[in-house]
Amino acid sequence: MTYRLERIRTLTGTDPAHPVHRYRLQTAVIGARLLDWPNRPL
């Protein structure tokens, strides 16, 4: 789990432990799922 959180931090530049950053990441994931990404191009 720690590796994945660090990987998210490295790739996105956001800290998943910070509440505002976590909200942004969760919103992005929900949006991607609603758009059926990556199965359908944006």
PDB file of N, CA and C in Angstrom:
ATOM      1  N   MET A   1       0.820  -1.186   0.000  1.00  0.00           N
ATOM      2  CA  MET A   1       0.000   0.000   0.000  1.00  0.00           C
ATOM      3  C   MET A   1       0.867   1.253   0.000  1.00  0.00           C
ATOM      4  N   THR A   2       1.906   1.250   0.793  1.00  0.00           N
ATOM      5  CA  THR A   2       2.790   2.409   0.870  1.00  0.00           C
ATOM      6  C   THR A   2       3.428   2.700  -0.477  1.00  0.00           C
ATOM      7  N   TYR A   3       3.821   1.619  -1.178  1.00  0.00           N
ATOM      8  CA  TYR A   3       4.433   1.792  -2.500  1.00  0.00           C
ATOM      9  C   TYR A   3       3.456   2.482  -3.438  1.00  0.00           C
ATOM     10  N   ARG A   4       2.217   2.051  -3.438  1.00  0.00           N
ATOM     11  CA  ARG A   4       1.223   2.635  -4.344  1.00  0.00           C
ATOM     12  C   ARG A   4       0.959   4.104  -4.034  1.00  0.00           C
ATOM     13  N   LEU A   5       0.865   4.432  -2.770  1.00  0.00           N
ATOM     14  CA  LEU A   5       0.655   5.832  -2.395  1.00  0.00           C
ATOM     15  C   LEU A   5       1.836   6.702  -2.820  1.00  0.00           C
ATOM     16  N   GLU A   6       3.043   6.181  -2.654  1.00  0.00           N
ATOM     17  CA  GLU A   6       4.230   6.919  -3.080  1.00  0.00           C
ATOM     18  C   GLU A   6       4.260   7.050  -4.597  1.00  0.00           C
ATOM     19  N   ARG A   7       3.833   6.018  -5.293  1.00  0.00           N
ATOM     20  CA  ARG A   7       3.784   6.051  -6.763  1.00  0.00           C
ATOM     21  C   ARG A   7       2.779   7.101  -7.243  1.00  0.00           C
ATOM     22  N   ILE A   8       1.631   7.192  -6.600  1.00  0.00           N
ATOM     23  CA  ILE A   8       0.635   8.220  -6.927  1.00  0.00           C
ATOM     24  C   ILE A   8       1.232   9.598  -6.722  1.00  0.00           C
ATOM     25  N   ARG A   9       1.938   9.767  -5.611  1.00  0.00           N
ATOM     26  CA  ARG A   9       2.572  11.058  -5.310  1.00  0.00           C
ATOM     27  C   ARG A   9       3.597  11.413  -6.383  1.00  0.00           C
ATOM     28  N   THR A  10       4.384  10.441  -6.813  1.00  0.00           N
ATOM     29  CA  THR A  10       5.409  10.678  -7.829  1.00  0.00           C
ATOM     30  C   THR A  10       4.794  11.022  -9.181  1.00  0.00           C
ATOM     31  N   LEU A  11       3.774  10.280  -9.580  1.00  0.00           N
ATOM     32  CA  LEU A  11       3.179  10.479 -10.903  1.00  0.00           C
ATOM     33  C   LEU A  11       2.326  11.737 -11.006  1.00  0.00           C
ATOM     34  N   THR A  12       1.618  12.080  -9.942  1.00  0.00           N
ATOM     35  CA  THR A  12       0.674  13.187 -10.025  1.00  0.00           C
ATOM     36  C   THR A  12       1.164  14.470  -9.363  1.00  0.00           C
ATOM     37  N   GLY A  13       2.138  14.345  -8.482  1.00  0.00           N
ATOM     38  CA  GLY A  13       2.599  15.519  -7.757  1.00  0.00           C
ATOM     39  C   GLY A  13       1.661  15.930  -6.634  1.00  0.00           C
ATOM     40  N   THR A  14       0.727  15.071  -6.296  1.00  0.00           N
ATOM     41  CA  THR A  14      -0.196  15.353  -5.195  1.00  0.00           C
ATOM     42  C   THR A  14       0.025  14.349  -4.074  1.00  0.00           C
ATOM     43  N   ASP A  15      -0.333  14.722  -2.876  1.00  0.00           N
ATOM     44  CA  ASP A  15      -0.165  13.866  -1.699  1.00  0.00           C
ATOM     45  C   ASP A  15      -1.502  13.235  -1.357  1.00  0.00           C
ATOM     46  N   PRO A  16      -1.672  11.926  -1.585  1.00  0.00           N
ATOM     47  CA  PRO A  16      -2.956  11.287  -1.300  1.00  0.00           C
ATOM     48  C   PRO A  16      -3.337  11.299   0.182  1.00  0.00           C
ATOM     49  N   ALA A  17      -2.410  11.640   1.062  1.00  0.00           N
ATOM     50  CA  ALA A  17      -2.732  11.727   2.489  1.00  0.00           C
ATOM     51  C   ALA A  17      -3.347  13.083   2.843  1.00  0.00           C
ATOM     52  N   HIS A  18      -3.176  14.067   1.985  1.00  0.00           N
ATOM     53  CA  HIS A  18      -3.733  15.408   2.229  1.00  0.00           C
ATOM     54  C   HIS A  18      -5.205  15.404   1.801  1.00  0.00           C
ATOM     55  N   PRO A  19      -6.113  15.863   2.642  1.00  0.00           N
ATOM     56  CA  PRO A  19      -7.543  15.773   2.332  1.00  0.00           C
ATOM     57  C   PRO A  19      -7.958  16.429   1.007  1.00  0.00           C
ATOM     58  N   VAL A  20      -7.446  17.606   0.713  1.00  0.00           N
ATOM     59  CA  VAL A  20      -7.826  18.291  -0.528  1.00  0.00           C
ATOM     60  C   VAL A  20      -7.277  17.541  -1.735  1.00  0.00           C
ATOM     61  N   HIS A  21      -6.051  17.077  -1.652  1.00  0.00           N
ATOM     62  CA  HIS A  21      -5.454  16.319  -2.758  1.00  0.00           C
ATOM     63  C   HIS A  21      -6.198  14.999  -2.969  1.00  0.00           C
ATOM     64  N   ARG A  22      -6.556  14.350  -1.857  1.00  0.00           N
ATOM     65  CA  ARG A  22      -7.281  13.077  -1.956  1.00  0.00           C
ATOM     66  C   ARG A  22      -8.635  13.294  -2.638  1.00  0.00           C
ATOM     67  N   TYR A  23      -9.322  14.383  -2.295  1.00  0.00           N
ATOM     68  CA  TYR A  23     -10.603  14.698  -2.925  1.00  0.00           C
ATOM     69  C   TYR A  23     -10.426  14.886  -4.433  1.00  0.00           C
ATOM     70  N   ARG A  24      -9.396  15.617  -4.832  1.00  0.00           N
ATOM     71  CA  ARG A  24      -9.137  15.837  -6.262  1.00  0.00           C
ATOM     72  C   ARG A  24      -8.862  14.524  -6.984  1.00  0.00           C
ATOM     73  N   LEU A  25      -8.067  13.663  -6.365  1.00  0.00           N
ATOM     74  CA  LEU A  25      -7.762  12.371  -6.982  1.00  0.00           C
ATOM     75  C   LEU A  25      -9.019  11.511  -7.106  1.00  0.00           C
ATOM     76  N   GLN A  26      -9.831  11.490  -6.055  1.00  0.00           N
ATOM     77  CA  GLN A  26     -11.065  10.705  -6.098  1.00  0.00           C
ATOM     78  C   GLN A  26     -12.021  11.235  -7.158  1.00  0.00           C
ATOM     79  N   THR A  27     -12.113  12.548  -7.280  1.00  0.00           N
ATOM     80  CA  THR A  27     -12.976  13.154  -8.295  1.00  0.00           C
ATOM     81  C   THR A  27     -12.488  12.796  -9.695  1.00  0.00           C
ATOM     82  N   ALA A  28     -11.185  12.819  -9.907  1.00  0.00           N
ATOM     83  CA  ALA A  28     -10.621  12.461 -11.206  1.00  0.00           C
ATOM     84  C   ALA A  28     -10.913  11.001 -11.544  1.00  0.00           C
ATOM     85  N   VAL A  29     -10.803  10.118 -10.567  1.00  0.00           N
ATOM     86  CA  VAL A  29     -11.077   8.698 -10.800  1.00  0.00           C
ATOM     87  C   VAL A  29     -12.555   8.481 -11.140  1.00  0.00           C
ATOM     88  N   ILE A  30     -13.432   9.136 -10.416  1.00  0.00           N
ATOM     89  CA  ILE A  30     -14.874   9.006 -10.696  1.00  0.00           C
ATOM     90  C   ILE A  30     -15.183   9.523 -12.097  1.00  0.00           C
ATOM     91  N   GLY A  31     -14.605  10.656 -12.461  1.00  0.00           N
ATOM     92  CA  GLY A  31     -14.815  11.205 -13.806  1.00  0.00           C
ATOM     93  C   GLY A  31     -14.311  10.270 -14.884  1.00  0.00           C
ATOM     94  N   ALA A  32     -13.153   9.689 -14.677  1.00  0.00           N
ATOM     95  CA  ALA A  32     -12.598   8.750 -15.659  1.00  0.00           C
ATOM     96  C   ALA A  32     -13.496   7.532 -15.808  1.00  0.00           C
ATOM     97  N   ARG A  33     -14.015   7.038 -14.706  1.00  0.00           N
ATOM     98  CA  ARG A  33     -14.914   5.875 -14.772  1.00  0.00           C
ATOM     99  C   ARG A  33     -16.210   6.226 -15.494  1.00  0.00           C
ATOM    100  N   LEU A  34     -16.745   7.407 -15.240  1.00  0.00           N
ATOM    101  CA  LEU A  34     -17.981   7.822 -15.910  1.00  0.00           C
ATOM    102  C   LEU A  34     -17.781   7.968 -17.421  1.00  0.00           C
ATOM    103  N   LEU A  35     -16.583   8.375 -17.816  1.00  0.00           N
ATOM    104  CA  LEU A  35     -16.274   8.528 -19.240  1.00  0.00           C
ATOM    105  C   LEU A  35     -15.783   7.231 -19.871  1.00  0.00           C
ATOM    106  N   ASP A  36     -15.749   6.146 -19.079  1.00  0.00           N
ATOM    107  CA  ASP A  36     -15.294   4.831 -19.525  1.00  0.00           C
ATOM    108  C   ASP A  36     -13.860   4.900 -20.041  1.00  0.00           C
ATOM    109  N   TRP A  37     -13.048   5.724 -19.394  1.00  0.00           N
ATOM    110  CA  TRP A  37     -11.646   5.833 -19.754  1.00  0.00           C
ATOM    111  C   TRP A  37     -10.871   4.726 -19.076  1.00  0.00           C
ATOM    112  N   PRO A  38      -9.955   4.044 -19.680  1.00  0.00           N
ATOM    113  CA  PRO A  38      -9.290   4.247 -20.957  1.00  0.00           C
ATOM    114  C   PRO A  38      -9.885   3.418 -22.093  1.00  0.00           C
ATOM    115  N   ASN A  39     -11.000   2.744 -21.873  1.00  0.00           N
ATOM    116  CA  ASN A  39     -11.589   1.914 -22.923  1.00  0.00           C
ATOM    117  C   ASN A  39     -12.103   2.743 -24.103  1.00  0.00           C
ATOM    118  N   ARG A  40     -12.509   3.970 -23.819  1.00  0.00           N
ATOM    119  CA  ARG A  40     -13.003   4.861 -24.858  1.00  0.00           C
ATOM    120  C   ARG A  40     -12.136   6.101 -24.868  1.00  0.00           C
ATOM    121  N   PRO A  41     -11.649   6.535 -26.043  1.00  0.00           N
ATOM    122  CA  PRO A  41     -10.792   7.719 -26.069  1.00  0.00           C
ATOM    123  C   PRO A  41     -11.552   8.973 -25.631  1.00  0.00           C
ATOM    124  N   LEU A  42     -10.813   9.881 -25.022  1.00  0.00           N
ATOM    125  CA  LEU A  42     -11.428  11.118 -24.548  1.00  0.00           C
ATOM    126  C   LEU A  42     -11.600  12.051 -25.667  1.00  0.00           C
TER     127      LEU A  42
END
